[in-house]
């Protein structure tokens, strides 16, 4: 006895695997002569590449808001190290609240550094973040 009663070897491919299709035949005649277009493609007809759009929107040289936001975080870190954690937290809360005001005041789409979702949601999240960090800084023991 082999100990493998009722087990059979697979005889071929899986029954649900589709058979490969032969390649499509090429047309018999020559390709139609279409003159190449040298006109620029209108923006409405240009294909969208999400990666190119993301790279362009995050190009730091073109988006001052990234520099301002990064500078605010660096200043908050320096203040936290030089003066104290509480002061640094207040500066960070201020950066978040300024970001909320900027997002609320400027027209859509707004600055890249603070634009994530809908304007109301962005403002609400930044206000809650700023108020939360400020509250925690306020109750932080000296």
Foldseek 3Di string as FASTA:
>chain_A
DPPPPPDDDDDDDDPPDDDDDDDDDDDPDDDDDDDDDPDDDDPVPDDDDVVVVVCVLPVCVVAVVVVVLVVLLVVLVVCCVPPHVLSSLLSVLVSLQVLLVQLVPDDPPGGPVQRDDDSVVSSVVSNCSSVVSNVCSVPDDD
